[in-house]
Amino acid sequence: MAQSEHNEPLEHKPEYLYGLHPDAIQEPPNDLKGRLKFLGPGLVLVGSVVGSGEIILTTTLGSIVGFSMLWFVLVSCWSKNIVQAELGRYTVSSGEPFLHAFNRLPGKVPAFRGKKVSWYIYFWLLWIIPDLLVGGGIYGGAGQAIQAAFPSLGSEWWTVGIAIVAMIIILSGTYRFLEKFLTIMVVTFTFITVTCAILLQMTEYAITWDEMMNGLTFGFPAMAIVAALAMYGGTGVGTGEQTAYTYWCVEKGYARFAGAADDSDDWVRRAKGWIAVMQTDVKLTLLLLTCATIPFYMLGAGVLYRLGQEPNGLETIGILSSMYTTTLGEWAFWLFIIGAFFVLFSTAVSGLGANVRVFADGMAVLGLIERNDYQTRMKILRFWAVFAPIITATAYFYFQNPVWMLTVGQLFKAIKFPLIAGGVIYLRYKHLDPRMAPSWKADAILWLCFAIMISLATYIIWVKFIA
């Protein structure tokens, strides 16, 4: 274990986590068993991803259209991971997390202390507003889950309590603690949802083969346009998670294990080896996301659609719980409440954990602080860990409608998808070390996903602002 001059383990120091210290270089595992020991960023990411989009937006879409948009849910799950993987490839090979990487995009504008930054950095700042609105929907959904079990307090007050607990965890927790904590939550929640979807087949609401096939016919009901596009923004690896993944990869150590790029064959071998570990992590993310997302759509389409119920307002969690109680009995109410709280609270914690890192890094990119001034960086991180939950809880206090908050916020976030995918393509051809270039198949899939995201973002702008 590398030590600092004060005999403190270097991996406990922020400057070590985001630096490429030569003492950190480590040989990558050369088989699947070895790679599994170094997984983790994907699990933290799933803790952030599997949440409000699945439990609220996906079930809401199912309650509106039935099974007819199963194909679109699958597209949402599968079309974004290639961007996540290519971002990870760039970060592992360069050591640059998201904002430093995207600061390489052309089109420089003035920042602070005489510094110039890419236009995208200001775009990122602007898009914090819809991110906070989404956070309010997540916190509010978790508050409604507790309020359903303990109705002595209104959901808005439980939301405040959740915000406080999230602050404490982030201010006192480390990456390793978050990784273990969220892994337990994600595994528990995924098991509960898959089990419930399977048990659905033993009731009068059993899903037929014809209904499944109908869901793969590429229908796009006009009445569900907004709900479908919000679901696309809120499920799978969203823009916030694509951003966060680079920071989790850095803190896990993939980039510093590879070491700073040089002309040697040893560096190429190490970098490719750690990229392979990252890719295994991405595949695990995709598997868990699909397992957690599809069952919720099935429950929404199989139960709520048939009952004519649509989640909304203060009744959101209560209506969602009927997916369990109608099919399994009243006892399942507690099963749903526990599962709903786990998934929404894990989203709140892991999302906040990522956002504070990105925000602090953004201040360094803008020139407000020195990049290597880690004491000031930690102060900004702690400030945002307190300020952001206060704003999100206040937003729910005002609107008290998780479905509306998530729908509006995710529509704005969906517009970012083609910008991030386009930025990844730019980095791949202009700044990625040619020795780390992906295969032609990966390039083709990346371009295809970019085209899908451009089409959807254009459609959102047309529907919401032009038509």
Protein backbone atom coordinates (compact mmCIF):
# COMPACT_ATOMS: atom_id res chain seq x y z
CA MET A 1 0.00 0.00 0.00
CA ALA A 2 1.46 3.35 -1.04
CA GLN A 3 2.11 5.84 1.77
CA SER A 4 2.30 9.63 1.91
CA GLU A 5 5.09 11.48 3.71
CA HIS A 6 2.87 11.64 6.81
CA ASN A 7 2.39 7.86 6.72
CA GLU A 8 -1.22 8.22 5.54
CA PRO A 9 -2.36 5.72 2.87
CA LEU A 10 -2.32 7.59 -0.42
CA GLU A 11 -5.58 6.05 -1.60
CA HIS A 12 -7.32 7.92 1.22
CA LYS A 13 -6.15 11.28 -0.14
CA PRO A 14 -8.33 13.09 -2.74
CA GLU A 15 -5.31 14.15 -4.77
CA TYR A 16 -4.30 10.51 -5.04
CA LEU A 17 -7.74 9.38 -6.17
CA TYR A 18 -7.79 11.79 -9.11
CA GLY A 19 -4.07 11.73 -9.86
CA LEU A 20 -1.98 9.18 -11.73
CA HIS A 21 0.58 8.44 -9.04
CA PRO A 22 3.24 5.99 -10.30
CA ASP A 23 3.04 4.01 -7.04
CA ALA A 24 -0.58 3.15 -7.87
CA ILE A 25 0.20 1.22 -11.07
CA GLN A 26 -1.21 -2.29 -10.87
CA GLU A 27 -1.42 -5.18 -13.29
CA PRO A 28 -4.95 -5.88 -14.56
CA PRO A 29 -6.59 -9.28 -14.07
CA ASN A 30 -6.47 -11.49 -17.14
CA ASP A 31 -9.61 -13.57 -16.66
CA LEU A 32 -13.27 -13.09 -15.76
CA LYS A 33 -12.86 -14.31 -12.20
CA GLY A 34 -10.15 -11.73 -11.58
CA ARG A 35 -12.17 -8.95 -13.20
CA LEU A 36 -15.16 -9.65 -10.99
CA LYS A 37 -13.07 -8.72 -7.95
CA PHE A 38 -12.62 -5.17 -9.28
CA LEU A 39 -16.23 -4.43 -10.22
CA GLY A 40 -18.12 -1.72 -8.37
CA PRO A 41 -18.74 1.54 -10.28
CA GLY A 42 -21.62 -0.09 -12.13
CA LEU A 43 -23.27 -1.14 -8.89
CA VAL A 44 -23.05 2.40 -7.54
CA LEU A 45 -24.42 3.60 -10.86
CA VAL A 46 -27.33 1.15 -10.70
CA GLY A 47 -28.09 2.46 -7.22
CA SER A 48 -28.60 5.84 -8.87
CA VAL A 49 -30.28 4.62 -12.08
CA VAL A 50 -32.72 2.04 -10.72
CA GLY A 51 -35.13 4.31 -8.97
CA SER A 52 -37.65 6.96 -9.91
CA GLY A 53 -37.52 6.21 -13.63
CA GLU A 54 -38.36 2.56 -13.09
CA ILE A 55 -40.72 2.68 -10.13
CA ILE A 56 -42.64 5.79 -11.24
CA LEU A 57 -42.09 6.70 -14.90
CA THR A 58 -41.92 3.17 -16.33
CA THR A 59 -45.00 1.99 -14.45
CA THR A 60 -46.82 5.20 -15.40
CA LEU A 61 -46.12 4.52 -19.08
CA GLY A 62 -47.34 0.94 -18.67
CA SER A 63 -50.52 2.18 -16.97
CA ILE A 64 -51.23 4.46 -19.97
CA VAL A 65 -50.42 2.25 -22.97
CA GLY A 66 -50.46 -1.30 -21.67
CA PHE A 67 -47.89 -3.57 -23.31
CA SER A 68 -47.69 -1.70 -26.63
CA MET A 69 -44.41 0.09 -25.84
CA LEU A 70 -42.36 -2.77 -24.40
CA TRP A 71 -40.01 -2.34 -27.37
CA PHE A 72 -39.39 1.28 -26.40
CA VAL A 73 -38.57 0.33 -22.81
CA LEU A 74 -36.00 -2.14 -24.15
CA VAL A 75 -34.53 0.56 -26.40
CA SER A 76 -34.27 2.84 -23.37
CA CYS A 77 -32.41 0.17 -21.40
CA TRP A 78 -30.02 -0.85 -24.16
CA SER A 79 -29.27 2.26 -26.24
CA LYS A 80 -27.19 4.22 -23.72
CA ASN A 81 -24.63 1.77 -22.37
CA ILE A 82 -22.36 2.09 -25.40
CA VAL A 83 -21.97 5.80 -24.55
CA GLN A 84 -21.24 4.84 -20.94
CA ALA A 85 -18.63 2.31 -22.08
CA GLU A 86 -16.88 4.70 -24.48
CA LEU A 87 -16.81 7.44 -21.85
CA GLY A 88 -15.27 4.90 -19.51
CA ARG A 89 -12.70 3.96 -22.16
CA TYR A 90 -11.62 7.57 -22.49
CA THR A 91 -11.45 8.13 -18.72
CA VAL A 92 -9.46 4.96 -18.01
CA SER A 93 -6.92 5.72 -20.74
CA SER A 94 -6.57 9.45 -19.99
CA GLY A 95 -7.38 9.81 -16.28
CA GLU A 96 -9.82 12.64 -17.11
CA PRO A 97 -13.33 12.51 -15.61
CA PHE A 98 -16.33 13.84 -17.52
CA LEU A 99 -16.10 17.63 -17.16
CA HIS A 100 -12.37 17.76 -17.84
CA ALA A 101 -12.89 15.54 -20.88
CA PHE A 102 -15.80 17.60 -22.23
CA ASN A 103 -13.88 20.79 -21.64
CA ARG A 104 -11.90 19.64 -24.69
CA LEU A 105 -14.92 20.21 -26.95
CA PRO A 106 -14.39 23.07 -29.43
CA GLY A 107 -16.02 26.46 -28.89
CA LYS A 108 -14.25 28.22 -26.03
CA VAL A 109 -15.90 30.98 -23.98
CA PRO A 110 -14.53 33.12 -21.10
CA ALA A 111 -14.65 31.69 -17.59
CA PHE A 112 -12.88 32.91 -14.42
CA ARG A 113 -9.31 34.06 -13.68
CA GLY A 114 -8.66 34.57 -17.38
CA LYS A 115 -9.52 30.99 -18.17
CA LYS A 116 -11.52 29.84 -21.20
CA VAL A 117 -13.73 26.76 -21.16
CA SER A 118 -15.87 24.85 -23.60
CA TRP A 119 -19.42 26.11 -24.08
CA TYR A 120 -20.58 22.74 -22.74
CA ILE A 121 -19.45 23.62 -19.20
CA TYR A 122 -22.00 26.46 -19.03
CA PHE A 123 -24.60 24.17 -20.54
CA TRP A 124 -23.89 21.71 -17.73
CA LEU A 125 -24.40 24.48 -15.16
CA LEU A 126 -27.76 25.44 -16.68
CA TRP A 127 -28.97 21.86 -16.67
CA ILE A 128 -28.45 21.57 -12.91
CA ILE A 129 -31.92 23.15 -12.54
CA PRO A 130 -33.90 20.26 -14.10
CA ASP A 131 -31.58 17.87 -12.25
CA LEU A 132 -32.73 19.39 -8.96
CA LEU A 133 -36.36 19.08 -10.06
CA VAL A 134 -35.80 15.38 -10.73
CA GLY A 135 -34.17 15.10 -7.32
CA GLY A 136 -37.29 16.59 -5.74
CA GLY A 137 -39.40 13.91 -7.39
CA ILE A 138 -37.09 11.17 -6.12
CA TYR A 139 -36.99 12.49 -2.56
CA GLY A 140 -40.74 13.04 -2.64
CA GLY A 141 -41.41 9.50 -3.85
CA ALA A 142 -39.31 8.10 -1.01
CA GLY A 143 -41.15 10.41 1.41
CA GLN A 144 -44.50 9.13 0.14
CA ALA A 145 -43.32 5.54 0.67
CA ILE A 146 -42.55 6.25 4.33
CA GLN A 147 -45.75 8.27 4.76
CA ALA A 148 -47.78 5.32 3.48
CA ALA A 149 -46.35 3.20 6.29
CA PHE A 150 -46.30 5.93 8.95
CA PRO A 151 -49.07 8.41 8.11
CA SER A 152 -48.61 10.47 11.27
CA LEU A 153 -46.50 12.93 9.24
CA GLY A 154 -47.10 14.30 5.77
CA SER A 155 -44.86 13.08 2.95
CA GLU A 156 -43.27 16.53 2.66
CA TRP A 157 -41.86 16.22 6.20
CA TRP A 158 -40.60 12.69 5.60
CA THR A 159 -38.92 14.12 2.50
CA VAL A 160 -37.04 16.60 4.68
CA GLY A 161 -35.90 13.74 6.90
CA ILE A 162 -34.66 11.77 3.90
CA ALA A 163 -32.73 14.82 2.67
CA ILE A 164 -31.03 15.14 6.06
CA VAL A 165 -30.07 11.45 6.18
CA ALA A 166 -28.69 11.65 2.62
CA MET A 167 -26.58 14.66 3.64
CA ILE A 168 -25.15 12.78 6.61
CA ILE A 169 -24.28 9.70 4.57
CA ILE A 170 -22.51 11.71 1.87
CA LEU A 171 -20.67 13.95 4.34
CA SER A 172 -19.38 11.00 6.34
CA GLY A 173 -19.23 8.19 3.78
CA THR A 174 -16.48 7.07 1.47
CA TYR A 175 -16.66 5.44 -1.93
CA ARG A 176 -16.15 1.99 -0.43
CA PHE A 177 -18.97 2.51 2.06
CA LEU A 178 -21.31 3.72 -0.69
CA GLU A 179 -20.39 0.78 -2.89
CA LYS A 180 -21.28 -1.80 -0.23
CA PHE A 181 -24.35 0.07 1.03
CA LEU A 182 -25.88 0.51 -2.43
CA THR A 183 -25.00 -3.00 -3.56
CA ILE A 184 -27.18 -4.42 -0.78
CA MET A 185 -30.04 -2.08 -1.67
CA VAL A 186 -29.87 -2.79 -5.40
CA VAL A 187 -29.69 -6.57 -5.03
CA THR A 188 -32.58 -6.59 -2.53
CA PHE A 189 -34.76 -4.40 -4.69
CA THR A 190 -34.04 -6.30 -7.91
CA PHE A 191 -34.89 -9.58 -6.22
CA ILE A 192 -38.21 -8.20 -4.92
CA THR A 193 -39.32 -6.78 -8.28
CA VAL A 194 -38.38 -9.84 -10.33
CA THR A 195 -40.10 -12.11 -7.81
CA CYS A 196 -43.28 -10.06 -7.91
CA ALA A 197 -43.35 -10.04 -11.72
CA ILE A 198 -42.99 -13.83 -11.76
CA LEU A 199 -45.75 -14.27 -9.18
CA LEU A 200 -47.99 -12.10 -11.36
CA GLN A 201 -48.20 -15.05 -13.74
CA MET A 202 -50.01 -17.07 -11.07
CA THR A 203 -52.91 -14.62 -10.84
CA GLU A 204 -55.80 -13.50 -13.03
CA TYR A 205 -53.51 -10.73 -14.29
CA ALA A 206 -51.10 -13.17 -15.91
CA ILE A 207 -49.41 -11.77 -19.01
CA THR A 208 -50.09 -13.67 -22.24
CA TRP A 209 -47.68 -14.39 -25.08
CA ASP A 210 -49.82 -12.33 -27.47
CA GLU A 211 -49.52 -9.29 -25.19
CA MET A 212 -45.75 -9.69 -25.13
CA MET A 213 -45.58 -9.91 -28.94
CA ASN A 214 -47.83 -6.86 -29.25
CA GLY A 215 -45.33 -4.95 -27.16
CA LEU A 216 -42.63 -5.58 -29.79
CA THR A 217 -44.52 -4.14 -32.78
CA PHE A 218 -42.99 -0.64 -32.60
CA GLY A 219 -46.21 1.19 -31.87
CA PHE A 220 -45.99 4.77 -30.53
CA PRO A 221 -49.42 5.93 -29.29
CA ALA A 222 -49.77 9.71 -29.66
CA MET A 223 -51.44 10.03 -26.25
CA ALA A 224 -48.29 8.68 -24.55
CA ILE A 225 -45.66 10.82 -26.25
CA VAL A 226 -44.72 12.87 -23.18
CA ALA A 227 -44.80 9.90 -20.79
CA ALA A 228 -42.73 7.77 -23.19
CA LEU A 229 -40.06 10.39 -23.75
CA ALA A 230 -39.85 11.14 -20.02
CA MET A 231 -39.45 7.41 -19.40
CA TYR A 232 -36.60 7.34 -21.94
CA GLY A 233 -34.90 10.19 -20.09
CA GLY A 234 -35.40 8.56 -16.69
CA THR A 235 -34.52 4.90 -17.30
CA GLY A 236 -31.34 3.14 -18.26
CA VAL A 237 -28.03 4.97 -17.92
CA GLY A 238 -29.20 8.58 -18.13
CA THR A 239 -27.13 11.65 -18.80
CA GLY A 240 -26.40 12.20 -15.11
CA GLU A 241 -25.28 8.60 -14.70
CA GLN A 242 -23.11 8.74 -17.82
CA THR A 243 -21.41 11.75 -16.29
CA ALA A 244 -21.09 10.18 -12.85
CA TYR A 245 -19.71 6.89 -14.13
CA THR A 246 -16.39 8.49 -15.07
CA TYR A 247 -15.92 9.75 -11.50
CA TRP A 248 -16.76 6.37 -9.98
CA CYS A 249 -14.28 4.72 -12.38
CA VAL A 250 -11.57 7.14 -11.30
CA GLU A 251 -12.25 6.59 -7.60
CA LYS A 252 -12.35 2.82 -8.07
CA GLY A 253 -8.84 3.12 -9.46
CA TYR A 254 -9.05 1.94 -13.08
CA ALA A 255 -7.19 4.97 -14.47
CA ARG A 256 -4.46 5.16 -11.83
CA PHE A 257 -3.94 1.38 -11.98
CA ALA A 258 -3.20 1.80 -15.70
CA GLY A 259 -0.92 4.77 -15.01
CA ALA A 260 -0.14 7.86 -17.06
CA ALA A 261 -0.03 7.27 -20.81
CA ASP A 262 3.39 6.76 -22.37
CA ASP A 263 4.90 5.15 -25.47
CA SER A 264 5.53 1.78 -23.88
CA ASP A 265 3.83 -1.48 -24.76
CA ASP A 266 3.42 -2.12 -21.02
CA TRP A 267 1.10 0.91 -20.67
CA VAL A 268 -0.98 -0.21 -23.65
CA ARG A 269 -1.35 -3.68 -22.15
CA ARG A 270 -2.31 -2.34 -18.72
CA ALA A 271 -4.75 0.23 -20.10
CA LYS A 272 -6.49 -2.34 -22.30
CA GLY A 273 -6.65 -4.72 -19.36
CA TRP A 274 -8.34 -2.17 -17.09
CA ILE A 275 -10.65 -1.10 -19.92
CA ALA A 276 -11.71 -4.75 -20.14
CA VAL A 277 -12.52 -4.67 -16.41
CA MET A 278 -14.57 -1.50 -16.97
CA GLN A 279 -16.42 -3.12 -19.87
CA THR A 280 -17.34 -6.10 -17.69
CA ASP A 281 -18.67 -3.60 -15.15
CA VAL A 282 -20.77 -1.93 -17.89
CA LYS A 283 -22.24 -5.30 -18.94
CA LEU A 284 -23.22 -5.99 -15.34
CA THR A 285 -24.89 -2.58 -15.22
CA LEU A 286 -26.90 -3.38 -18.35
CA LEU A 287 -28.01 -6.75 -16.96
CA LEU A 288 -29.14 -5.32 -13.63
CA LEU A 289 -30.91 -2.38 -15.27
CA THR A 290 -32.88 -4.65 -17.58
CA CYS A 291 -33.82 -7.00 -14.74
CA ALA A 292 -35.04 -4.09 -12.64
CA THR A 293 -36.81 -2.09 -15.38
CA ILE A 294 -38.80 -4.67 -17.36
CA PRO A 295 -40.64 -6.14 -14.31
CA PHE A 296 -41.95 -2.68 -13.39
CA TYR A 297 -43.23 -2.09 -16.89
CA MET A 298 -44.91 -5.51 -16.79
CA LEU A 299 -46.57 -4.69 -13.47
CA GLY A 300 -47.75 -1.29 -14.70
CA ALA A 301 -49.14 -2.70 -17.94
CA GLY A 302 -50.44 -5.92 -16.43
CA VAL A 303 -52.19 -4.42 -13.40
CA LEU A 304 -52.59 -0.63 -13.46
CA TYR A 305 -53.55 -0.48 -17.16
CA ARG A 306 -56.25 -3.13 -16.64
CA LEU A 307 -57.53 -1.37 -13.52
CA GLY A 308 -57.57 2.02 -15.27
CA GLN A 309 -55.31 3.56 -12.62
CA GLU A 310 -52.56 6.11 -13.34
CA PRO A 311 -50.04 7.29 -10.70
CA ASN A 312 -50.26 11.01 -10.00
CA GLY A 313 -49.77 13.60 -7.24
CA LEU A 314 -49.91 12.62 -3.61
CA GLU A 315 -51.51 9.29 -4.56
CA THR A 316 -48.50 8.17 -6.61
CA ILE A 317 -47.07 5.60 -4.20
CA GLY A 318 -50.52 4.47 -3.03
CA ILE A 319 -51.60 3.70 -6.60
CA LEU A 320 -48.31 2.00 -7.37
CA SER A 321 -48.71 -0.26 -4.34
CA SER A 322 -51.88 -1.68 -5.90
CA MET A 323 -49.66 -3.48 -8.41
CA TYR A 324 -48.61 -5.71 -5.53
CA THR A 325 -51.74 -5.84 -3.37
CA THR A 326 -54.12 -6.56 -6.26
CA THR A 327 -52.11 -9.52 -7.45
CA LEU A 328 -50.58 -10.91 -4.23
CA GLY A 329 -52.89 -9.76 -1.47
CA GLU A 330 -52.88 -7.01 1.13
CA TRP A 331 -49.78 -8.40 2.80
CA ALA A 332 -47.77 -7.32 -0.25
CA PHE A 333 -48.35 -3.66 0.62
CA TRP A 334 -45.39 -3.79 2.99
CA LEU A 335 -43.31 -5.63 0.43
CA PHE A 336 -43.87 -2.81 -2.03
CA ILE A 337 -43.29 -0.03 0.50
CA ILE A 338 -39.97 -1.54 1.59
CA GLY A 339 -38.87 -2.11 -1.99
CA ALA A 340 -39.99 1.36 -3.10
CA PHE A 341 -38.13 3.01 -0.25
CA PHE A 342 -34.98 1.00 -0.92
CA VAL A 343 -34.86 1.92 -4.58
CA LEU A 344 -35.76 5.60 -4.18
CA PHE A 345 -33.50 6.17 -1.19
CA SER A 346 -30.58 4.43 -2.89
CA THR A 347 -31.18 6.69 -5.90
CA ALA A 348 -31.13 9.75 -3.65
CA VAL A 349 -27.91 8.74 -1.90
CA SER A 350 -25.90 7.56 -4.90
CA GLY A 351 -27.15 10.44 -7.05
CA LEU A 352 -26.09 12.97 -4.41
CA GLY A 353 -22.76 11.20 -3.97
CA ALA A 354 -22.06 11.58 -7.68
CA ASN A 355 -23.42 15.11 -8.02
CA VAL A 356 -21.24 16.57 -5.27
CA ARG A 357 -18.14 15.19 -7.00
CA VAL A 358 -19.18 16.54 -10.39
CA PHE A 359 -20.11 19.96 -8.96
CA ALA A 360 -16.80 20.35 -7.13
CA ASP A 361 -14.91 19.32 -10.23
CA GLY A 362 -16.94 21.81 -12.28
CA MET A 363 -15.76 24.66 -10.08
CA ALA A 364 -12.18 23.66 -10.83
CA VAL A 365 -12.85 23.48 -14.58
CA LEU A 366 -14.44 26.95 -14.51
CA GLY A 367 -11.38 28.38 -12.78
CA LEU A 368 -13.14 29.30 -9.53
CA ILE A 369 -10.68 27.12 -7.64
CA GLU A 370 -7.32 25.62 -8.50
CA ARG A 371 -7.59 22.07 -9.82
CA ASN A 372 -5.13 20.73 -7.23
CA ASP A 373 -6.52 22.74 -4.29
CA TYR A 374 -8.13 19.74 -2.69
CA GLN A 375 -8.98 21.39 0.61
CA THR A 376 -11.13 23.98 -1.17
CA ARG A 377 -12.56 21.26 -3.41
CA MET A 378 -13.67 19.29 -0.35
CA LYS A 379 -15.30 22.40 1.13
CA ILE A 380 -17.30 22.91 -2.09
CA LEU A 381 -18.21 19.22 -2.10
CA ARG A 382 -19.56 19.48 1.44
CA PHE A 383 -21.44 22.69 0.62
CA TRP A 384 -23.23 21.05 -2.32
CA ALA A 385 -23.95 17.96 -0.21
CA VAL A 386 -26.01 20.24 2.06
CA PHE A 387 -27.39 22.76 -0.44
CA ALA A 388 -28.66 20.33 -3.10
CA PRO A 389 -30.85 18.22 -0.75
CA ILE A 390 -32.33 21.39 0.74
CA ILE A 391 -33.35 22.61 -2.73
CA THR A 392 -34.74 19.25 -3.82
CA ALA A 393 -36.76 18.84 -0.62
CA THR A 394 -38.06 22.41 -0.99
CA ALA A 395 -39.10 21.68 -4.59
CA TYR A 396 -41.18 18.72 -3.43
CA PHE A 397 -42.62 20.84 -0.63
CA TYR A 398 -43.93 23.20 -3.31
CA PHE A 399 -45.11 20.79 -6.05
CA GLN A 400 -45.84 17.54 -4.14
CA ASN A 401 -46.26 15.61 -7.39
CA PRO A 402 -43.38 13.20 -8.11
CA VAL A 403 -44.77 12.13 -11.52
CA TRP A 404 -44.97 15.71 -12.80
CA MET A 405 -41.57 16.68 -11.37
CA LEU A 406 -39.87 13.65 -12.84
CA THR A 407 -41.60 13.99 -16.21
CA VAL A 408 -40.62 17.63 -16.70
CA GLY A 409 -37.09 17.16 -15.37
CA GLN A 410 -36.41 14.03 -17.41
CA LEU A 411 -37.71 15.62 -20.63
CA PHE A 412 -35.05 18.31 -20.25
CA LYS A 413 -32.41 15.74 -19.39
CA ALA A 414 -33.32 13.65 -22.46
CA ILE A 415 -32.33 16.59 -24.66
CA LYS A 416 -28.76 16.16 -23.35
CA PHE A 417 -28.39 12.61 -24.69
CA PRO A 418 -27.30 13.52 -28.24
CA LEU A 419 -24.98 16.23 -26.89
CA ILE A 420 -23.15 13.75 -24.68
CA ALA A 421 -23.11 11.05 -27.37
CA GLY A 422 -21.81 13.59 -29.90
CA GLY A 423 -19.15 14.72 -27.42
CA VAL A 424 -18.05 11.13 -26.90
CA ILE A 425 -17.72 10.68 -30.68
CA TYR A 426 -15.61 13.86 -30.86
CA LEU A 427 -13.33 12.65 -28.05
CA ARG A 428 -13.04 9.23 -29.66
CA TYR A 429 -11.70 10.63 -32.96
CA LYS A 430 -9.82 13.71 -31.73
CA HIS A 431 -8.38 12.95 -28.30
CA LEU A 432 -8.52 9.21 -27.55
CA ASP A 433 -5.13 7.54 -27.78
CA PRO A 434 -5.28 5.68 -31.13
CA ARG A 435 -3.92 2.56 -29.44
CA MET A 436 -7.11 2.47 -27.32
CA ALA A 437 -9.52 2.82 -30.27
CA PRO A 438 -12.65 0.62 -30.13
CA SER A 439 -13.56 -1.94 -32.79
CA TRP A 440 -15.54 -0.96 -35.87
CA LYS A 441 -18.58 -2.73 -34.39
CA ALA A 442 -18.45 -0.57 -31.25
CA ASP A 443 -18.08 2.52 -33.45
CA ALA A 444 -21.11 1.51 -35.53
CA ILE A 445 -23.27 0.96 -32.44
CA LEU A 446 -22.14 4.30 -31.00
CA TRP A 447 -23.14 6.13 -34.20
CA LEU A 448 -26.50 4.29 -34.28
CA CYS A 449 -27.27 5.27 -30.69
CA PHE A 450 -26.26 8.86 -31.48
CA ALA A 451 -28.78 8.89 -34.35
CA ILE A 452 -31.54 7.51 -32.09
CA MET A 453 -30.83 10.14 -29.44
CA ILE A 454 -30.83 12.99 -31.97
CA SER A 455 -34.20 11.81 -33.30
CA LEU A 456 -35.75 11.63 -29.84
CA ALA A 457 -34.34 14.98 -28.70
CA THR A 458 -35.62 16.64 -31.88
CA TYR A 459 -39.01 15.08 -31.30
CA ILE A 460 -39.11 16.35 -27.70
CA ILE A 461 -38.27 19.89 -28.80
CA TRP A 462 -40.93 19.72 -31.53
CA VAL A 463 -43.65 18.36 -29.21
CA LYS A 464 -42.93 20.64 -26.25
CA PHE A 465 -41.85 23.90 -27.85
CA ILE A 466 -42.97 24.06 -31.49
CA ALA A 467 -46.04 21.98 -32.29
